[in-house]
Amino acid sequence: MELTIIQRADELTQVSLSGRMDAMGIQRVETRFQGLTAARGKHTIIDMSGVDFIASIGLSMLLSSARSLHHRGARMVIVNPQPRVMKVLETAHMPSVIPVVKSLAEAEALLG
């Protein structure tokens, strides 16, 4: 699992995740992910186009961060998950909590 910072501005955080969001992958990135997202309290875009697998621990990491952001008046948007990952997100009803869109432009429009 890899985490790349794409943008860290005053009003927005954008990160890219790639690899497997399983127990080992989450262990490698979770502290940094929480620090870049929930701890900053800024609107956050998560590019998941490079994630090829997501387990429940990955869903939990996303949900935890999204809830923390919500309590601070910010939102998270997931961009462009692969079809297999999108199916897991839909099965877990994640789009009802964290919007999932196909493009960066859609994410930016949602965040205003």
C-alpha atoms as a PDB file:
ATOM      1  CA  MET A   1       0.000   0.000   0.000  1.00  0.00           C
ATOM      2  CA  GLU A   2       1.323   3.418  -0.988  1.00  0.00           C
ATOM      3  CA  LEU A   3       0.093   6.878  -0.057  1.00  0.00           C
ATOM      4  CA  THR A   4       1.078   9.895  -2.136  1.00  0.00           C
ATOM      5  CA  ILE A   5       0.307  13.506  -1.295  1.00  0.00           C
ATOM      6  CA  ILE A   6      -1.002  15.240  -4.404  1.00  0.00           C
ATOM      7  CA  GLN A   7      -2.068  18.524  -2.843  1.00  0.00           C
ATOM      8  CA  ARG A   8      -2.006  19.934   0.665  1.00  0.00           C
ATOM      9  CA  ALA A   9      -3.420  23.444   0.522  1.00  0.00           C
ATOM     10  CA  ASP A  10      -5.148  25.603   3.104  1.00  0.00           C
ATOM     11  CA  GLU A  11      -8.591  24.567   1.894  1.00  0.00           C
ATOM     12  CA  LEU A  12      -8.063  21.056   0.479  1.00  0.00           C
ATOM     13  CA  THR A  13      -6.102  17.857   0.929  1.00  0.00           C
ATOM     14  CA  GLN A  14      -5.729  15.445  -1.969  1.00  0.00           C
ATOM     15  CA  VAL A  15      -4.038  12.092  -1.603  1.00  0.00           C
ATOM     16  CA  SER A  16      -3.646   9.037  -3.785  1.00  0.00           C
ATOM     17  CA  LEU A  17      -3.789   5.486  -2.463  1.00  0.00           C
ATOM     18  CA  SER A  18      -2.489   2.516  -4.420  1.00  0.00           C
ATOM     19  CA  GLY A  19      -2.030  -1.168  -3.789  1.00  0.00           C
ATOM     20  CA  ARG A  20      -3.951  -3.429  -1.452  1.00  0.00           C
ATOM     21  CA  MET A  21      -5.999  -1.962   1.381  1.00  0.00           C
ATOM     22  CA  ASP A  22      -5.645  -5.084   3.488  1.00  0.00           C
ATOM     23  CA  ALA A  23      -4.274  -5.435   7.047  1.00  0.00           C
ATOM     24  CA  MET A  24      -0.636  -5.167   5.971  1.00  0.00           C
ATOM     25  CA  GLY A  25      -1.267  -2.268   3.617  1.00  0.00           C
ATOM     26  CA  ILE A  26      -3.306  -0.286   6.119  1.00  0.00           C
ATOM     27  CA  GLN A  27      -0.660  -0.840   8.782  1.00  0.00           C
ATOM     28  CA  ARG A  28       1.864   0.890   6.495  1.00  0.00           C
ATOM     29  CA  VAL A  29      -0.213   4.005   5.783  1.00  0.00           C
ATOM     30  CA  GLU A  30      -2.900   4.476   8.442  1.00  0.00           C
ATOM     31  CA  THR A  31      -1.068   6.858  10.790  1.00  0.00           C
ATOM     32  CA  ARG A  32       0.087   9.045   7.908  1.00  0.00           C
ATOM     33  CA  PHE A  33      -3.357   8.882   6.262  1.00  0.00           C
ATOM     34  CA  GLN A  34      -5.113  10.004   9.455  1.00  0.00           C
ATOM     35  CA  GLY A  35      -2.563  12.789   9.893  1.00  0.00           C
ATOM     36  CA  LEU A  36      -3.116  14.071   6.366  1.00  0.00           C
ATOM     37  CA  THR A  37      -6.899  13.790   6.444  1.00  0.00           C
ATOM     38  CA  ALA A  38      -8.736  13.734   9.779  1.00  0.00           C
ATOM     39  CA  ALA A  39      -6.098  15.655  11.735  1.00  0.00           C
ATOM     40  CA  ARG A  40      -5.958  18.471   9.157  1.00  0.00           C
ATOM     41  CA  GLY A  41      -9.740  18.883   9.107  1.00  0.00           C
ATOM     42  CA  LYS A  42      -9.812  20.114   5.495  1.00  0.00           C
ATOM     43  CA  HIS A  43     -11.960  18.899   2.608  1.00  0.00           C
ATOM     44  CA  THR A  44     -10.253  15.758   1.325  1.00  0.00           C
ATOM     45  CA  ILE A  45     -10.137  14.024  -2.046  1.00  0.00           C
ATOM     46  CA  ILE A  46      -8.954  10.414  -2.067  1.00  0.00           C
ATOM     47  CA  ASP A  47      -7.836   9.098  -5.469  1.00  0.00           C
ATOM     48  CA  MET A  48      -8.363   5.342  -5.298  1.00  0.00           C
ATOM     49  CA  SER A  49      -7.724   4.528  -8.955  1.00  0.00           C
ATOM     50  CA  GLY A  50      -4.603   2.573  -7.952  1.00  0.00           C
ATOM     51  CA  VAL A  51      -6.292   0.473  -5.251  1.00  0.00           C
ATOM     52  CA  ASP A  52      -6.879  -3.053  -6.518  1.00  0.00           C
ATOM     53  CA  PHE A  53      -8.263  -4.601  -3.301  1.00  0.00           C
ATOM     54  CA  ILE A  54     -10.033  -3.288  -0.215  1.00  0.00           C
ATOM     55  CA  ALA A  55     -10.773  -5.258   2.946  1.00  0.00           C
ATOM     56  CA  SER A  56     -12.955  -4.258   5.873  1.00  0.00           C
ATOM     57  CA  ILE A  57      -9.979  -2.666   7.621  1.00  0.00           C
ATOM     58  CA  GLY A  58      -9.576  -0.355   4.615  1.00  0.00           C
ATOM     59  CA  LEU A  59     -13.255   0.565   4.759  1.00  0.00           C
ATOM     60  CA  SER A  60     -12.849   1.258   8.460  1.00  0.00           C
ATOM     61  CA  MET A  61      -9.888   3.585   7.885  1.00  0.00           C
ATOM     62  CA  LEU A  62     -11.835   5.594   5.299  1.00  0.00           C
ATOM     63  CA  LEU A  63     -14.962   5.747   7.446  1.00  0.00           C
ATOM     64  CA  SER A  64     -13.080   6.805  10.566  1.00  0.00           C
ATOM     65  CA  SER A  65     -11.385   9.643   8.728  1.00  0.00           C
ATOM     66  CA  ALA A  66     -14.613  10.746   7.016  1.00  0.00           C
ATOM     67  CA  ARG A  67     -16.431  10.887  10.362  1.00  0.00           C
ATOM     68  CA  SER A  68     -13.647  12.939  11.934  1.00  0.00           C
ATOM     69  CA  LEU A  69     -13.729  15.330   8.993  1.00  0.00           C
ATOM     70  CA  HIS A  70     -17.513  15.637   9.267  1.00  0.00           C
ATOM     71  CA  HIS A  71     -17.232  16.630  12.935  1.00  0.00           C
ATOM     72  CA  ARG A  72     -14.812  19.382  11.899  1.00  0.00           C
ATOM     73  CA  GLY A  73     -17.068  20.694   9.123  1.00  0.00           C
ATOM     74  CA  ALA A  74     -15.158  19.106   6.247  1.00  0.00           C
ATOM     75  CA  ARG A  75     -15.994  16.352   3.772  1.00  0.00           C
ATOM     76  CA  MET A  76     -14.231  13.482   2.040  1.00  0.00           C
ATOM     77  CA  VAL A  77     -14.797  12.394  -1.569  1.00  0.00           C
ATOM     78  CA  ILE A  78     -13.455   9.215  -3.158  1.00  0.00           C
ATOM     79  CA  VAL A  79     -12.407   9.453  -6.814  1.00  0.00           C
ATOM     80  CA  ASN A  80     -12.276   6.772  -9.494  1.00  0.00           C
ATOM     81  CA  PRO A  81     -12.149   3.427  -7.668  1.00  0.00           C
ATOM     82  CA  GLN A  82     -11.593   0.384  -9.838  1.00  0.00           C
ATOM     83  CA  PRO A  83     -14.793  -1.608 -10.578  1.00  0.00           C
ATOM     84  CA  ARG A  84     -13.890  -4.393  -8.138  1.00  0.00           C
ATOM     85  CA  VAL A  85     -13.222  -1.892  -5.344  1.00  0.00           C
ATOM     86  CA  MET A  86     -16.388   0.055  -6.218  1.00  0.00           C
ATOM     87  CA  LYS A  87     -18.426  -3.105  -5.809  1.00  0.00           C
ATOM     88  CA  VAL A  88     -17.060  -3.528  -2.262  1.00  0.00           C
ATOM     89  CA  LEU A  89     -17.754   0.140  -1.480  1.00  0.00           C
ATOM     90  CA  GLU A  90     -21.339  -0.245  -2.739  1.00  0.00           C
ATOM     91  CA  THR A  91     -21.888  -3.490  -0.825  1.00  0.00           C
ATOM     92  CA  ALA A  92     -20.785  -1.715   2.353  1.00  0.00           C
ATOM     93  CA  HIS A  93     -23.045   1.269   1.503  1.00  0.00           C
ATOM     94  CA  MET A  94     -20.026   3.603   1.666  1.00  0.00           C
ATOM     95  CA  PRO A  95     -21.316   5.993  -1.039  1.00  0.00           C
ATOM     96  CA  SER A  96     -24.124   6.987   1.344  1.00  0.00           C
ATOM     97  CA  VAL A  97     -21.459   8.217   3.791  1.00  0.00           C
ATOM     98  CA  ILE A  98     -18.568   9.185   1.494  1.00  0.00           C
ATOM     99  CA  PRO A  99     -19.459  10.368  -2.010  1.00  0.00           C
ATOM    100  CA  VAL A 100     -17.784   8.391  -4.786  1.00  0.00           C
ATOM    101  CA  VAL A 101     -17.243  10.083  -8.159  1.00  0.00           C
ATOM    102  CA  LYS A 102     -15.437   9.282 -11.391  1.00  0.00           C
ATOM    103  CA  SER A 103     -13.382  12.426 -11.862  1.00  0.00           C
ATOM    104  CA  LEU A 104     -11.401  15.044  -9.995  1.00  0.00           C
ATOM    105  CA  ALA A 105     -13.648  17.743 -11.486  1.00  0.00           C
ATOM    106  CA  GLU A 106     -16.732  16.063  -9.972  1.00  0.00           C
ATOM    107  CA  ALA A 107     -14.997  15.812  -6.581  1.00  0.00           C
ATOM    108  CA  GLU A 108     -14.002  19.475  -6.638  1.00  0.00           C
ATOM    109  CA  ALA A 109     -17.551  20.476  -7.607  1.00  0.00           C
ATOM    110  CA  LEU A 110     -18.991  18.487  -4.683  1.00  0.00           C
ATOM    111  CA  LEU A 111     -16.626  20.154  -2.253  1.00  0.00           C
ATOM    112  CA  GLY A 112     -17.432  23.602  -3.642  1.00  0.00           C
END
